[in-house]
Amino acid sequence: MKLTRKTKTLGAALLVLLASGMYLIAADHIDAPGVTGAGSASLGSDITDVYAFANGNNMVFVVNTQGLLSPAASGSAAFDEEVMLEINIDNGSTKDNIEDLVIQATFENGKVRVYGPAAPVTTGLNSTLLNSVTVEANITPYGQSPVIGEQNGIKVFAGPRDDPFFFDLGAYKAVLGGTASSFNNPGTDTFAGTNVMALVIEVPKSQLGSGTINIWATSNRKM
């Protein structure tokens, strides 16, 4: 299956040091109305956050989509079955920002299926779905305990979760507008009370190569 990639790298690729507990994120919550507007066919492909952090001998990757979901909207929110989310990993010595490994996730009939990590079939603007499912799980409904699938040392969770990203939009605008010189401590979390559709995948570091890796996430729609 070939898919057209919607590149959503959220700025520069994330550099993750496998040997440490370094924790890195990138975020982009508000896109153009054509992507995030009510009824938009692209809503399920809108990436809000990418997180990567070490958990002992494992790496955890988080890709969040569909930001600013209200509690009322979260109950009916669903992953787009026409969209494949992909975590791209550049682990080569050249660090050329070309994916050497990919971890892919698809959503269908209430389940999330994970493919990889494995070498990509294609790179660049298009992606091709890998052949073998590594692990799968039921998608967790809103308000229920997390359902976690585990196989071959890889874990996966998919479902609505509270938005973990903290951002004080009011203070940000004040600083830009020249009416404030710094952020407040504590600030006001603009995203408090809103949810995202979260994909969380935990993978042994041994399956990702050694040294440092660059990662970025993309959403891909069927051609």
Protein backbone atom coordinates (compact mmCIF):
# COMPACT_ATOMS: atom_id res chain seq x y z
CA MET A 1 0.00 0.00 0.00
CA LYS A 2 1.43 3.36 -1.04
CA LEU A 3 0.61 6.50 0.90
CA THR A 4 1.12 10.18 0.19
CA ARG A 5 3.12 11.78 2.96
CA LYS A 6 1.94 14.93 4.63
CA THR A 7 5.20 16.19 6.06
CA LYS A 8 4.70 17.51 9.57
CA THR A 9 8.15 17.55 11.06
CA LEU A 10 7.39 20.29 13.56
CA GLY A 11 10.58 22.17 12.92
CA ALA A 12 14.00 20.54 13.01
CA ALA A 13 14.36 16.83 13.47
CA LEU A 14 14.58 15.73 17.06
CA LEU A 15 17.99 14.56 18.20
CA VAL A 16 17.68 11.79 20.79
CA LEU A 17 20.64 10.49 22.78
CA LEU A 18 19.97 6.79 23.33
CA ALA A 19 22.44 6.46 26.19
CA SER A 20 20.81 9.09 28.38
CA GLY A 21 17.46 10.14 29.72
CA MET A 22 17.23 13.14 27.40
CA TYR A 23 13.64 14.16 26.78
CA LEU A 24 12.75 16.21 23.73
CA ILE A 25 9.51 17.50 22.24
CA ALA A 26 8.18 19.55 19.39
CA ALA A 27 4.71 21.04 19.20
CA ASP A 28 2.38 22.75 16.75
CA HIS A 29 -1.23 22.87 17.89
CA ILE A 30 -3.00 25.32 15.63
CA ASP A 31 -2.85 24.86 11.87
CA ALA A 32 -4.74 26.42 8.99
CA PRO A 33 -8.57 26.06 9.07
CA GLY A 34 -8.40 23.67 6.12
CA VAL A 35 -6.60 21.19 8.37
CA THR A 36 -8.10 21.82 11.79
CA GLY A 37 -11.51 23.30 10.96
CA ALA A 38 -14.76 21.57 11.86
CA GLY A 39 -15.52 18.74 9.44
CA SER A 40 -12.11 18.90 7.81
CA ALA A 41 -11.11 15.68 6.09
CA SER A 42 -7.54 16.35 7.19
CA LEU A 43 -8.20 16.57 10.91
CA GLY A 44 -6.97 13.05 11.59
CA SER A 45 -3.65 13.82 9.91
CA ASP A 46 -2.90 16.94 11.96
CA ILE A 47 0.06 16.23 14.27
CA THR A 48 0.20 18.40 17.38
CA ASP A 49 3.15 16.98 19.33
CA VAL A 50 6.07 14.60 18.96
CA TYR A 51 7.79 13.29 22.09
CA ALA A 52 10.74 10.94 22.50
CA PHE A 53 12.35 9.84 25.75
CA ALA A 54 14.34 6.98 27.22
CA ASN A 55 12.77 4.49 29.63
CA GLY A 56 15.59 2.27 30.84
CA ASN A 57 16.65 0.10 27.92
CA ASN A 58 13.70 1.25 25.84
CA MET A 59 12.78 4.34 23.83
CA VAL A 60 9.27 5.74 24.01
CA PHE A 61 7.81 7.63 21.06
CA VAL A 62 4.61 9.66 21.28
CA VAL A 63 2.73 11.17 18.34
CA ASN A 64 -0.35 13.22 19.23
CA THR A 65 -2.98 14.35 16.74
CA GLN A 66 -6.26 16.28 16.68
CA GLY A 67 -5.41 18.88 19.30
CA LEU A 68 -7.82 21.05 21.28
CA LEU A 69 -10.46 18.33 21.67
CA SER A 70 -13.01 19.25 24.31
CA PRO A 71 -14.14 16.52 26.75
CA ALA A 72 -17.48 16.44 24.95
CA ALA A 73 -15.78 15.92 21.58
CA SER A 74 -13.31 13.36 22.90
CA GLY A 75 -15.95 10.66 23.30
CA SER A 76 -16.65 10.56 19.59
CA ALA A 77 -13.13 11.36 18.35
CA ALA A 78 -11.51 8.63 16.29
CA PHE A 79 -8.29 7.96 14.45
CA ASP A 80 -8.58 8.40 10.69
CA GLU A 81 -8.51 4.96 9.06
CA GLU A 82 -7.20 6.55 5.86
CA VAL A 83 -4.11 7.88 7.67
CA MET A 84 -0.92 6.04 8.62
CA LEU A 85 1.27 7.71 11.24
CA GLU A 86 4.98 7.16 10.78
CA ILE A 87 7.95 7.71 13.09
CA ASN A 88 11.06 8.21 10.95
CA ILE A 89 14.46 7.37 12.40
CA ASP A 90 17.80 8.49 10.98
CA ASN A 91 20.45 6.41 12.72
CA GLY A 92 23.18 6.52 10.09
CA SER A 93 26.63 7.90 10.76
CA THR A 94 26.08 10.68 8.21
CA LYS A 95 22.93 12.04 9.90
CA ASP A 96 21.54 13.00 6.51
CA ASN A 97 17.92 13.33 7.70
CA ILE A 98 16.88 10.42 5.51
CA GLU A 99 15.03 7.71 7.37
CA ASP A 100 17.00 4.49 7.93
CA LEU A 101 14.19 2.94 10.00
CA VAL A 102 10.47 3.58 10.26
CA ILE A 103 7.79 2.67 12.78
CA GLN A 104 4.33 2.80 11.23
CA ALA A 105 0.86 2.70 12.79
CA THR A 106 -2.51 2.18 11.13
CA PHE A 107 -6.00 2.27 12.60
CA GLU A 108 -8.88 0.05 11.54
CA ASN A 109 -11.94 -1.59 13.12
CA GLY A 110 -11.13 -0.28 16.59
CA LYS A 111 -7.53 -1.50 16.55
CA VAL A 112 -4.10 0.06 16.17
CA ARG A 113 -1.49 -1.97 14.31
CA VAL A 114 2.23 -1.24 14.47
CA TYR A 115 4.76 -2.16 11.80
CA GLY A 116 8.53 -2.03 12.37
CA PRO A 117 10.97 -0.71 13.33
CA ALA A 118 12.35 -1.75 9.96
CA ALA A 119 14.03 -0.27 6.93
CA PRO A 120 11.53 1.70 4.83
CA VAL A 121 10.37 0.37 1.48
CA THR A 122 10.42 3.92 0.10
CA THR A 123 11.78 7.22 1.38
CA GLY A 124 11.06 10.83 0.57
CA LEU A 125 7.60 12.20 -0.24
CA ASN A 126 5.82 8.83 -0.31
CA SER A 127 5.66 5.94 2.14
CA THR A 128 4.87 2.28 1.62
CA LEU A 129 3.28 0.22 4.36
CA LEU A 130 5.55 -2.52 5.71
CA ASN A 131 4.40 -6.12 5.35
CA SER A 132 4.44 -7.48 8.90
CA VAL A 133 2.51 -6.32 11.95
CA THR A 134 4.79 -6.15 15.00
CA VAL A 135 2.16 -5.54 17.68
CA GLU A 136 -1.48 -4.48 17.88
CA ALA A 137 -4.00 -3.39 20.50
CA ASN A 138 -7.58 -2.26 20.83
CA ILE A 139 -7.94 1.52 20.72
CA THR A 140 -8.79 2.75 24.22
CA PRO A 141 -12.15 4.55 24.43
CA TYR A 142 -12.35 7.92 26.17
CA GLY A 143 -12.55 7.72 29.95
CA GLN A 144 -11.46 4.07 30.18
CA SER A 145 -8.28 2.49 31.54
CA PRO A 146 -5.51 2.24 28.96
CA VAL A 147 -5.36 -0.86 26.79
CA ILE A 148 -1.74 -1.71 26.01
CA GLY A 149 -0.63 -4.26 23.46
CA GLU A 150 2.75 -5.95 23.86
CA GLN A 151 4.64 -8.32 21.60
CA ASN A 152 8.27 -8.88 20.65
CA GLY A 153 9.35 -6.42 23.35
CA ILE A 154 7.31 -3.60 21.76
CA LYS A 155 4.33 -1.92 23.44
CA VAL A 156 1.60 0.24 21.92
CA PHE A 157 -1.24 2.41 23.21
CA ALA A 158 -3.69 4.47 21.16
CA GLY A 159 -6.59 6.61 22.35
CA PRO A 160 -7.67 9.99 23.70
CA ARG A 161 -5.58 11.51 26.47
CA ASP A 162 -5.22 14.83 28.24
CA ASP A 163 -2.98 17.18 26.27
CA PRO A 164 0.40 17.06 28.05
CA PHE A 165 1.83 20.14 26.37
CA PHE A 166 1.96 23.29 28.54
CA PHE A 167 1.77 26.65 26.81
CA ASP A 168 0.78 30.08 28.13
CA LEU A 169 -0.64 31.70 25.00
CA GLY A 170 -1.70 34.89 26.78
CA ALA A 171 1.78 35.54 28.15
CA TYR A 172 3.32 34.64 24.81
CA LYS A 173 1.21 37.26 23.04
CA ALA A 174 2.02 39.82 25.75
CA VAL A 175 5.76 39.28 25.33
CA LEU A 176 5.47 39.58 21.55
CA GLY A 177 3.31 42.69 21.92
CA GLY A 178 5.76 44.37 24.26
CA THR A 179 3.40 44.56 27.23
CA ALA A 180 5.35 41.93 29.20
CA SER A 181 9.03 41.13 29.40
CA SER A 182 8.84 37.54 30.60
CA PHE A 183 6.55 34.62 31.28
CA ASN A 184 4.84 34.14 34.63
CA ASN A 185 5.73 31.44 37.15
CA PRO A 186 3.37 29.69 37.39
CA GLY A 187 1.82 30.46 34.05
CA THR A 188 -1.65 29.71 32.71
CA ASP A 189 -1.96 26.51 30.68
CA THR A 190 -3.88 27.46 27.55
CA PHE A 191 -4.45 23.79 26.70
CA ALA A 192 -5.81 22.80 30.12
CA GLY A 193 -8.97 20.74 29.81
CA THR A 194 -8.36 19.76 26.20
CA ASN A 195 -7.41 16.38 24.83
CA VAL A 196 -5.49 14.81 21.95
CA MET A 197 -5.59 11.48 20.17
CA ALA A 198 -2.36 9.86 21.35
CA LEU A 199 -0.21 7.14 19.83
CA VAL A 200 2.46 5.79 22.20
CA ILE A 201 5.00 3.17 21.10
CA GLU A 202 7.79 1.77 23.30
CA VAL A 203 10.67 -0.01 21.56
CA PRO A 204 13.89 -1.62 22.86
CA LYS A 205 16.90 0.55 22.08
CA SER A 206 18.62 -2.51 20.65
CA GLN A 207 16.18 -2.39 17.71
CA LEU A 208 17.10 1.19 16.84
CA GLY A 209 20.86 1.00 16.35
CA SER A 210 23.47 2.68 18.53
CA GLY A 211 24.59 6.22 19.29
CA THR A 212 22.33 9.14 18.52
CA ILE A 213 19.30 9.19 16.28
CA ASN A 214 17.27 11.89 14.58
CA ILE A 215 13.52 11.34 14.61
CA TRP A 216 10.54 13.05 13.03
CA ALA A 217 6.92 12.10 12.57
CA THR A 218 4.75 12.30 9.48
CA SER A 219 1.15 11.55 8.65
CA ASN A 220 0.45 9.70 5.43
CA ARG A 221 -2.82 9.40 3.54
CA LYS A 222 -3.72 6.56 1.17
CA MET A 223 -3.25 7.35 -2.51
